[in-house]
Amino acid sequence: MSNLLPNPTPRNDAWKTQSYIIGAAAGLLFGLISAYMYTRAAYDNGQPQDGSNRVQTGDVIGLGLAALAMVRQIAEMGKGPEPKRGKKR
């Protein structure tokens, strides 16, 4: 009777862990480079006396939309190539 039950095959989820680690490292590196370039540009343009640098709301919204578009493109890469659409036989 036990031979009638489906035998679960062990799944290899190592690629998921590797994807998470690579994604986290890339995000960290991207964030550090972005913060460095932001502070460098603020310093080159004359650092404010009170130490704060106001960012325009429109700039933040634009960055958020650009980040959302980048995440969407990365998610689309995970789907793989679409099958070619041809004539049905």
C-alpha atoms as a PDB file:
ATOM      1  CA  MET A   1       0.000   0.000   0.000  1.00  0.00           C
ATOM      2  CA  SER A   2       2.910   2.328   0.666  1.00  0.00           C
ATOM      3  CA  ASN A   3       3.995   2.038  -2.952  1.00  0.00           C
ATOM      4  CA  LEU A   4       0.734   3.730  -4.047  1.00  0.00           C
ATOM      5  CA  LEU A   5       1.527   6.954  -2.226  1.00  0.00           C
ATOM      6  CA  PRO A   6       3.565   9.542  -4.103  1.00  0.00           C
ATOM      7  CA  ASN A   7       7.163   9.577  -3.019  1.00  0.00           C
ATOM      8  CA  PRO A   8       8.139  13.171  -2.222  1.00  0.00           C
ATOM      9  CA  THR A   9      11.424  14.019  -3.839  1.00  0.00           C
ATOM     10  CA  PRO A  10      13.823  16.189  -1.882  1.00  0.00           C
ATOM     11  CA  ARG A  11      13.849  19.671  -3.334  1.00  0.00           C
ATOM     12  CA  ASN A  12      17.051  21.523  -3.800  1.00  0.00           C
ATOM     13  CA  ASP A  13      16.387  25.035  -2.471  1.00  0.00           C
ATOM     14  CA  ALA A  14      20.039  26.081  -2.405  1.00  0.00           C
ATOM     15  CA  TRP A  15      19.500  28.335  -5.429  1.00  0.00           C
ATOM     16  CA  LYS A  16      16.912  30.341  -3.455  1.00  0.00           C
ATOM     17  CA  THR A  17      19.336  30.968  -0.615  1.00  0.00           C
ATOM     18  CA  GLN A  18      22.046  31.923  -3.085  1.00  0.00           C
ATOM     19  CA  SER A  19      19.648  34.341  -4.823  1.00  0.00           C
ATOM     20  CA  TYR A  20      18.744  35.980  -1.512  1.00  0.00           C
ATOM     21  CA  ILE A  21      22.382  36.386  -0.519  1.00  0.00           C
ATOM     22  CA  ILE A  22      23.381  37.834  -3.894  1.00  0.00           C
ATOM     23  CA  GLY A  23      20.364  40.168  -3.868  1.00  0.00           C
ATOM     24  CA  ALA A  24      21.107  41.374  -0.346  1.00  0.00           C
ATOM     25  CA  ALA A  25      24.772  41.970  -1.165  1.00  0.00           C
ATOM     26  CA  ALA A  26      23.896  43.830  -4.371  1.00  0.00           C
ATOM     27  CA  GLY A  27      21.321  45.950  -2.514  1.00  0.00           C
ATOM     28  CA  LEU A  28      23.792  46.772   0.223  1.00  0.00           C
ATOM     29  CA  LEU A  29      26.471  47.730  -2.284  1.00  0.00           C
ATOM     30  CA  PHE A  30      24.007  49.816  -4.330  1.00  0.00           C
ATOM     31  CA  GLY A  31      22.770  51.576  -1.182  1.00  0.00           C
ATOM     32  CA  LEU A  32      26.271  52.362   0.061  1.00  0.00           C
ATOM     33  CA  ILE A  33      27.373  53.742  -3.301  1.00  0.00           C
ATOM     34  CA  SER A  34      24.183  55.824  -3.552  1.00  0.00           C
ATOM     35  CA  ALA A  35      24.633  57.249  -0.044  1.00  0.00           C
ATOM     36  CA  TYR A  36      28.268  58.066  -0.763  1.00  0.00           C
ATOM     37  CA  MET A  37      27.402  59.852  -4.005  1.00  0.00           C
ATOM     38  CA  TYR A  38      24.538  61.752  -2.328  1.00  0.00           C
ATOM     39  CA  THR A  39      26.703  63.005   0.533  1.00  0.00           C
ATOM     40  CA  ARG A  40      29.524  63.857  -1.862  1.00  0.00           C
ATOM     41  CA  ALA A  41      27.182  65.907  -4.070  1.00  0.00           C
ATOM     42  CA  ALA A  42      25.739  67.676  -1.012  1.00  0.00           C
ATOM     43  CA  TYR A  43      29.230  68.477   0.226  1.00  0.00           C
ATOM     44  CA  ASP A  44      30.394  69.721  -3.183  1.00  0.00           C
ATOM     45  CA  ASN A  45      27.394  72.048  -3.447  1.00  0.00           C
ATOM     46  CA  GLY A  46      28.126  73.598  -0.071  1.00  0.00           C
ATOM     47  CA  GLN A  47      27.121  71.805   3.065  1.00  0.00           C
ATOM     48  CA  PRO A  48      24.196  73.493   4.874  1.00  0.00           C
ATOM     49  CA  GLN A  49      25.034  75.181   8.169  1.00  0.00           C
ATOM     50  CA  ASP A  50      22.537  73.158  10.199  1.00  0.00           C
ATOM     51  CA  GLY A  51      23.696  69.830   8.719  1.00  0.00           C
ATOM     52  CA  SER A  52      20.387  68.970   7.059  1.00  0.00           C
ATOM     53  CA  ASN A  53      19.789  68.811   3.340  1.00  0.00           C
ATOM     54  CA  ARG A  54      16.151  69.051   2.289  1.00  0.00           C
ATOM     55  CA  VAL A  55      15.049  66.768  -0.531  1.00  0.00           C
ATOM     56  CA  GLN A  56      12.153  67.742  -2.786  1.00  0.00           C
ATOM     57  CA  THR A  57       9.042  65.556  -2.589  1.00  0.00           C
ATOM     58  CA  GLY A  58       8.923  65.163  -6.379  1.00  0.00           C
ATOM     59  CA  ASP A  59      12.473  63.801  -6.381  1.00  0.00           C
ATOM     60  CA  VAL A  60      11.585  61.187  -3.773  1.00  0.00           C
ATOM     61  CA  ILE A  61       8.464  60.141  -5.702  1.00  0.00           C
ATOM     62  CA  GLY A  62      10.502  59.858  -8.903  1.00  0.00           C
ATOM     63  CA  LEU A  63      13.110  57.706  -7.157  1.00  0.00           C
ATOM     64  CA  GLY A  64      10.388  55.504  -5.695  1.00  0.00           C
ATOM     65  CA  LEU A  65       8.825  54.940  -9.109  1.00  0.00           C
ATOM     66  CA  ALA A  66      12.206  54.179 -10.630  1.00  0.00           C
ATOM     67  CA  ALA A  67      12.945  51.673  -7.846  1.00  0.00           C
ATOM     68  CA  LEU A  68       9.546  50.045  -8.376  1.00  0.00           C
ATOM     69  CA  ALA A  69      10.239  49.728 -12.106  1.00  0.00           C
ATOM     70  CA  MET A  70      13.623  48.148 -11.381  1.00  0.00           C
ATOM     71  CA  VAL A  71      12.068  45.610  -8.979  1.00  0.00           C
ATOM     72  CA  ARG A  72       9.441  44.775 -11.598  1.00  0.00           C
ATOM     73  CA  GLN A  73      12.106  44.165 -14.238  1.00  0.00           C
ATOM     74  CA  ILE A  74      14.041  41.901 -11.867  1.00  0.00           C
ATOM     75  CA  ALA A  75      10.865  39.929 -11.140  1.00  0.00           C
ATOM     76  CA  GLU A  76      10.227  39.558 -14.880  1.00  0.00           C
ATOM     77  CA  MET A  77      13.724  38.086 -15.296  1.00  0.00           C
ATOM     78  CA  GLY A  78      12.717  35.248 -12.966  1.00  0.00           C
ATOM     79  CA  LYS A  79       9.894  34.141 -15.235  1.00  0.00           C
ATOM     80  CA  GLY A  80      12.247  33.072 -18.004  1.00  0.00           C
ATOM     81  CA  PRO A  81      11.631  33.273 -21.733  1.00  0.00           C
ATOM     82  CA  GLU A  82       8.082  33.005 -22.988  1.00  0.00           C
ATOM     83  CA  PRO A  83       7.304  30.200 -25.410  1.00  0.00           C
ATOM     84  CA  LYS A  84       7.056  31.224 -29.018  1.00  0.00           C
ATOM     85  CA  ARG A  85       3.541  31.722 -30.246  1.00  0.00           C
ATOM     86  CA  GLY A  86       2.999  29.822 -33.408  1.00  0.00           C
ATOM     87  CA  LYS A  87       0.261  28.120 -35.292  1.00  0.00           C
ATOM     88  CA  LYS A  88      -1.561  25.380 -33.424  1.00  0.00           C
ATOM     89  CA  ARG A  89      -1.552  22.035 -35.120  1.00  0.00           C
END
